[in-house]
Amino acid sequence: MSTTSPETSARPQRLPIHLLLTLLSIAMIAPFVWMVLTSFKSLAEVAGENWLPGEWHWRNYLQVFKTIPFTRFMWNSLLIAAWVTFLQVLTSSLAAYSFARLRWRLRDRVFFLYLGTMMLPGLVMLIPNYQLMVRFGLVDSFFGLVMPAAFSAFGTFLLRQFMMGIPSALDEAAEIDGASKWQIFWLIILPLSRPGLLTLSIFTFMGNYHSFFWPLVMIKSVEKYTLPVGLLFFDSSHGQATNLLMAAVTMSVVPLIIIFAFLQKQLISGIQTGAVKG
């Protein structure tokens, strides 16, 4: 009588999948490894074929701080990303609550129109947004960077899917107890939507932390540069300091790695919950 379990017999069939996933993982992590190793090379070694530096130049990281105000640029990026994340989660949760839990005339049609803005490329909205910022006198200001990104159709859609999965009986029970619409939103719906809020927060923060084109157009003062724009200082008429650029980029991804390390379980849980509810 055979004692081979179904799990044991399935292992050979999973081997090609595991090999494919391993190759894909190596292909995805290879650019990151090259970036880190290049940050320790001399400028002459960057164009070489060897991945490992012949001599480890640890002072490249110190040279970054001497070449540009790296701390200032990173602080600007963190500040802008944090404010955009806060405002986008706030506005998206309020809009999602209205579209998912409240009943009003033409609600679904308005939602589909709102959702249609996701089809517009960001470059199409660049000129109208810039003209609005010029009219309001917000060019070369942090407020001008934050406001156009404070509203998100994607965030509204994502949170709406979470809120639609919450039983409506909770709203009815709260209304019987005398709760207002605001109390239902703040005390019931918002806590139950926590996985979706965290997922949207992570995506929004990461997307805005590395935002390049909009800050490049809006900001004129060097002291207000965000980190992606500030890294342009390493590309001058005298050539590109690729080794220092890679050192700066390596340090710039540290906050994102820390955020993902602490919140990866919540991120995965939020995506899975949204997939089930959607």
Protein backbone atom coordinates (compact mmCIF):
# COMPACT_ATOMS: atom_id res chain seq x y z
CA MET A 1 0.00 0.00 0.00
CA SER A 2 1.49 3.33 -1.04
CA THR A 3 2.15 5.84 1.73
CA THR A 4 2.95 8.78 -0.56
CA SER A 5 0.90 11.80 0.40
CA PRO A 6 -0.72 14.05 -2.24
CA GLU A 7 1.54 16.93 -1.13
CA THR A 8 4.69 14.86 -1.72
CA SER A 9 3.57 13.71 -5.16
CA ALA A 10 2.78 17.31 -6.17
CA ARG A 11 6.29 18.59 -5.39
CA PRO A 12 7.87 17.58 -8.74
CA GLN A 13 5.05 19.36 -10.57
CA ARG A 14 5.74 22.57 -8.61
CA LEU A 15 9.46 22.56 -9.41
CA PRO A 16 9.17 24.39 -12.78
CA ILE A 17 6.99 27.06 -11.16
CA HIS A 18 9.49 27.53 -8.34
CA LEU A 19 12.35 27.81 -10.83
CA LEU A 20 10.45 30.37 -12.89
CA LEU A 21 9.63 32.44 -9.80
CA THR A 22 13.27 32.25 -8.70
CA LEU A 23 14.48 33.52 -12.09
CA LEU A 24 11.93 36.33 -12.03
CA SER A 25 13.01 37.28 -8.51
CA ILE A 26 16.65 37.42 -9.56
CA ALA A 27 15.77 39.54 -12.60
CA MET A 28 13.81 41.97 -10.43
CA ILE A 29 16.42 42.32 -7.69
CA ALA A 30 19.43 42.55 -10.04
CA PRO A 31 19.04 46.31 -10.79
CA PHE A 32 18.81 47.05 -7.07
CA VAL A 33 21.96 45.03 -6.34
CA TRP A 34 23.77 46.81 -9.19
CA MET A 35 22.70 50.17 -7.78
CA VAL A 36 24.03 49.40 -4.31
CA LEU A 37 27.32 47.99 -5.60
CA THR A 38 27.82 50.93 -7.96
CA SER A 39 27.39 53.34 -5.08
CA PHE A 40 30.69 52.01 -3.66
CA LYS A 41 32.67 52.32 -6.89
CA SER A 42 34.89 55.10 -8.14
CA LEU A 43 33.63 57.07 -11.12
CA ALA A 44 36.19 55.35 -13.37
CA GLU A 45 34.91 51.89 -12.38
CA VAL A 46 31.25 52.63 -13.14
CA ALA A 47 31.61 51.96 -16.87
CA GLY A 48 33.45 48.69 -16.25
CA GLU A 49 31.96 45.24 -16.68
CA ASN A 50 32.63 44.07 -13.12
CA TRP A 51 29.74 44.28 -10.73
CA LEU A 52 31.90 44.23 -7.62
CA PRO A 53 34.00 47.36 -7.02
CA GLY A 54 37.75 46.90 -7.15
CA GLU A 55 38.03 49.18 -4.15
CA TRP A 56 35.14 50.00 -1.82
CA HIS A 57 34.68 53.77 -1.68
CA TRP A 58 32.63 54.27 1.47
CA ARG A 59 33.22 58.01 1.29
CA ASN A 60 30.82 58.26 -1.66
CA TYR A 61 27.98 58.51 0.83
CA LEU A 62 29.68 61.36 2.69
CA GLN A 63 30.39 63.06 -0.62
CA VAL A 64 26.67 63.09 -1.40
CA PHE A 65 26.01 65.34 1.61
CA LYS A 66 28.87 67.63 0.56
CA THR A 67 27.61 67.93 -3.02
CA ILE A 68 23.90 68.56 -2.36
CA PRO A 69 21.76 69.40 0.71
CA PHE A 70 20.57 65.80 0.77
CA THR A 71 18.90 65.99 4.19
CA ARG A 72 16.89 69.03 3.15
CA PHE A 73 15.76 67.44 -0.10
CA MET A 74 14.74 64.23 1.66
CA TRP A 75 12.82 66.16 4.31
CA ASN A 76 10.95 68.04 1.58
CA SER A 77 10.02 64.76 -0.13
CA LEU A 78 8.88 63.17 3.14
CA LEU A 79 6.85 66.26 4.07
CA ILE A 80 5.09 66.48 0.70
CA ALA A 81 4.40 62.74 0.56
CA ALA A 82 3.04 62.72 4.12
CA TRP A 83 0.67 65.63 3.51
CA VAL A 84 -0.55 64.23 0.19
CA THR A 85 -1.14 60.84 1.83
CA PHE A 86 -3.09 62.36 4.72
CA LEU A 87 -5.30 64.54 2.51
CA GLN A 88 -5.84 61.87 -0.13
CA VAL A 89 -6.89 59.26 2.44
CA LEU A 90 -9.19 61.83 4.08
CA THR A 91 -10.91 62.98 0.89
CA SER A 92 -11.09 59.48 -0.59
CA SER A 93 -12.65 58.01 2.54
CA LEU A 94 -15.29 60.76 2.69
CA ALA A 95 -16.13 60.38 -1.00
CA ALA A 96 -16.14 56.57 -0.76
CA TYR A 97 -18.53 56.71 2.20
CA SER A 98 -20.90 58.89 0.20
CA PHE A 99 -20.78 56.63 -2.85
CA ALA A 100 -20.98 53.35 -0.90
CA ARG A 101 -23.27 53.98 2.09
CA LEU A 102 -25.42 57.04 1.39
CA ARG A 103 -28.34 57.14 -1.01
CA TRP A 104 -28.83 60.22 -3.14
CA ARG A 105 -30.06 61.02 -6.63
CA LEU A 106 -27.71 60.17 -9.54
CA ARG A 107 -25.17 58.72 -7.12
CA ASP A 108 -24.02 55.89 -9.38
CA ARG A 109 -23.85 58.10 -12.48
CA VAL A 110 -21.75 60.67 -10.66
CA PHE A 111 -19.47 57.88 -9.42
CA PHE A 112 -18.89 56.58 -12.94
CA LEU A 113 -18.11 60.09 -14.15
CA TYR A 114 -15.71 60.50 -11.24
CA LEU A 115 -14.17 57.14 -12.06
CA GLY A 116 -13.75 58.23 -15.68
CA THR A 117 -11.09 60.74 -14.62
CA MET A 118 -8.78 57.76 -14.06
CA MET A 119 -8.64 57.35 -17.83
CA LEU A 120 -7.00 60.76 -18.27
CA PRO A 121 -3.18 60.63 -18.39
CA GLY A 122 -1.38 62.76 -15.85
CA LEU A 123 0.33 64.78 -18.58
CA VAL A 124 -3.06 65.83 -19.93
CA MET A 125 -3.93 67.42 -16.58
CA LEU A 126 -0.50 69.02 -16.14
CA ILE A 127 -1.23 72.26 -18.01
CA PRO A 128 -4.69 72.89 -16.43
CA ASN A 129 -3.29 72.20 -12.96
CA TYR A 130 -0.32 74.47 -13.57
CA GLN A 131 -2.56 77.28 -14.83
CA LEU A 132 -4.70 76.97 -11.71
CA MET A 133 -1.63 77.14 -9.49
CA VAL A 134 -0.42 80.25 -11.36
CA ARG A 135 -3.82 81.91 -10.95
CA PHE A 136 -3.88 81.17 -7.23
CA GLY A 137 -0.27 82.25 -6.78
CA LEU A 138 0.87 78.82 -5.57
CA VAL A 139 3.80 78.27 -7.94
CA ASP A 140 7.06 77.58 -6.10
CA SER A 141 5.23 76.57 -2.92
CA PHE A 142 4.67 73.31 -1.07
CA PHE A 143 0.93 74.02 -1.03
CA GLY A 144 0.94 74.02 -4.83
CA LEU A 145 2.59 70.59 -4.83
CA VAL A 146 0.10 69.10 -2.38
CA MET A 147 -3.30 70.37 -3.46
CA PRO A 148 -3.60 68.85 -6.98
CA ALA A 149 -2.66 65.44 -5.55
CA ALA A 150 -4.98 65.64 -2.53
CA PHE A 151 -7.87 64.00 -4.41
CA SER A 152 -7.81 60.55 -6.00
CA ALA A 153 -10.40 58.71 -8.04
CA PHE A 154 -8.44 55.48 -7.55
CA GLY A 155 -8.41 55.95 -3.77
CA THR A 156 -12.14 56.61 -3.78
CA PHE A 157 -12.78 53.49 -5.85
CA LEU A 158 -10.54 51.35 -3.63
CA LEU A 159 -12.16 52.46 -0.38
CA ARG A 160 -15.64 52.25 -1.87
CA GLN A 161 -15.05 48.55 -2.54
CA PHE A 162 -14.10 48.00 1.10
CA MET A 163 -17.07 49.95 2.44
CA MET A 164 -19.54 48.16 0.19
CA GLY A 165 -18.46 44.88 1.79
CA ILE A 166 -19.44 46.07 5.27
CA PRO A 167 -22.94 44.81 6.24
CA SER A 168 -25.57 47.52 5.99
CA ALA A 169 -27.18 46.17 9.16
CA LEU A 170 -24.48 47.98 11.13
CA ASP A 171 -25.65 51.33 9.76
CA GLU A 172 -29.27 50.52 10.56
CA ALA A 173 -28.47 49.42 14.09
CA ALA A 174 -26.44 52.58 14.70
CA GLU A 175 -29.24 54.78 13.36
CA ILE A 176 -31.73 53.08 15.68
CA ASP A 177 -29.40 53.95 18.57
CA GLY A 178 -29.45 57.58 17.47
CA ALA A 179 -26.10 57.81 15.68
CA SER A 180 -25.68 60.47 13.02
CA LYS A 181 -24.21 59.87 9.57
CA TRP A 182 -20.91 61.36 10.72
CA GLN A 183 -20.81 59.11 13.80
CA ILE A 184 -21.52 56.04 11.66
CA PHE A 185 -18.69 57.02 9.34
CA TRP A 186 -16.18 57.87 12.07
CA LEU A 187 -16.97 55.18 14.65
CA ILE A 188 -18.08 52.22 12.51
CA ILE A 189 -17.21 52.42 8.81
CA LEU A 190 -13.75 53.97 9.11
CA PRO A 191 -12.37 51.47 11.67
CA LEU A 192 -13.70 48.53 9.65
CA SER A 193 -12.03 49.95 6.52
CA ARG A 194 -8.60 50.04 8.18
CA PRO A 195 -6.97 47.52 5.77
CA GLY A 196 -8.06 49.60 2.81
CA LEU A 197 -6.89 52.84 4.45
CA LEU A 198 -3.45 51.37 5.12
CA THR A 199 -3.18 50.00 1.58
CA LEU A 200 -4.10 53.36 0.06
CA SER A 201 -1.71 55.16 2.44
CA ILE A 202 1.24 52.99 1.43
CA PHE A 203 0.57 53.27 -2.31
CA THR A 204 0.01 57.03 -2.08
CA PHE A 205 3.12 57.69 0.01
CA MET A 206 5.38 55.64 -2.23
CA GLY A 207 3.99 57.21 -5.39
CA ASN A 208 4.40 60.79 -4.16
CA TYR A 209 7.73 60.30 -2.42
CA HIS A 210 9.37 59.65 -5.79
CA SER A 211 7.26 62.13 -7.75
CA PHE A 212 9.50 63.96 -10.22
CA PHE A 213 7.72 65.74 -13.06
CA TRP A 214 5.23 67.88 -11.10
CA PRO A 215 7.83 69.18 -8.58
CA LEU A 216 10.20 69.86 -11.47
CA VAL A 217 7.57 72.10 -13.11
CA MET A 218 6.30 73.77 -9.94
CA ILE A 219 9.37 74.43 -7.79
CA LYS A 220 11.90 77.13 -8.68
CA SER A 221 13.75 77.59 -5.37
CA VAL A 222 16.56 75.13 -4.64
CA GLU A 223 15.73 74.98 -0.92
CA LYS A 224 12.26 73.67 -1.83
CA TYR A 225 13.46 70.92 -4.18
CA THR A 226 12.25 67.42 -3.49
CA LEU A 227 14.78 64.61 -3.56
CA PRO A 228 14.12 63.34 -7.12
CA VAL A 229 14.58 66.87 -8.49
CA GLY A 230 17.62 67.48 -6.29
CA LEU A 231 19.35 64.43 -7.74
CA LEU A 232 19.66 66.32 -11.04
CA PHE A 233 22.65 68.11 -9.50
CA PHE A 234 24.69 64.97 -10.13
CA ASP A 235 24.13 65.41 -13.89
CA SER A 236 26.02 68.53 -14.98
CA SER A 237 27.82 69.85 -18.03
CA HIS A 238 31.01 68.27 -16.64
CA GLY A 239 29.49 64.79 -16.76
CA GLN A 240 27.35 62.57 -14.61
CA ALA A 241 28.59 61.43 -11.19
CA THR A 242 26.90 58.05 -11.46
CA ASN A 243 28.54 56.61 -8.35
CA LEU A 244 27.32 59.50 -6.17
CA LEU A 245 23.92 59.38 -7.84
CA MET A 246 23.57 55.68 -6.98
CA ALA A 247 24.65 56.38 -3.39
CA ALA A 248 21.99 59.08 -3.09
CA VAL A 249 19.30 56.86 -4.62
CA THR A 250 20.26 54.01 -2.28
CA MET A 251 19.77 56.28 0.72
CA SER A 252 16.51 57.61 -0.71
CA VAL A 253 14.90 54.16 -0.80
CA VAL A 254 15.68 53.46 2.86
CA PRO A 255 12.45 55.10 4.16
CA LEU A 256 10.38 53.03 1.71
CA ILE A 257 12.10 49.81 2.77
CA ILE A 258 11.43 50.62 6.43
CA ILE A 259 7.77 51.41 5.74
CA PHE A 260 7.27 48.22 3.75
CA ALA A 261 9.08 46.10 6.37
CA PHE A 262 6.76 47.29 9.13
CA LEU A 263 3.52 47.35 7.12
CA GLN A 264 3.90 44.46 4.66
CA LYS A 265 1.41 42.26 6.52
CA GLN A 266 -1.21 45.01 6.55
CA LEU A 267 -0.55 45.75 2.87
CA ILE A 268 -0.97 42.13 1.81
CA SER A 269 -4.05 41.76 4.02
CA GLY A 270 -5.59 44.90 2.58
CA ILE A 271 -5.05 43.81 -1.01
CA GLN A 272 -6.46 40.34 -0.33
CA THR A 273 -9.49 41.73 1.52
CA GLY A 274 -10.17 44.19 -1.27
CA ALA A 275 -9.96 41.43 -3.85
CA VAL A 276 -12.48 39.31 -1.96
CA LYS A 277 -14.89 42.18 -1.35
CA GLY A 278 -14.53 43.61 -4.83
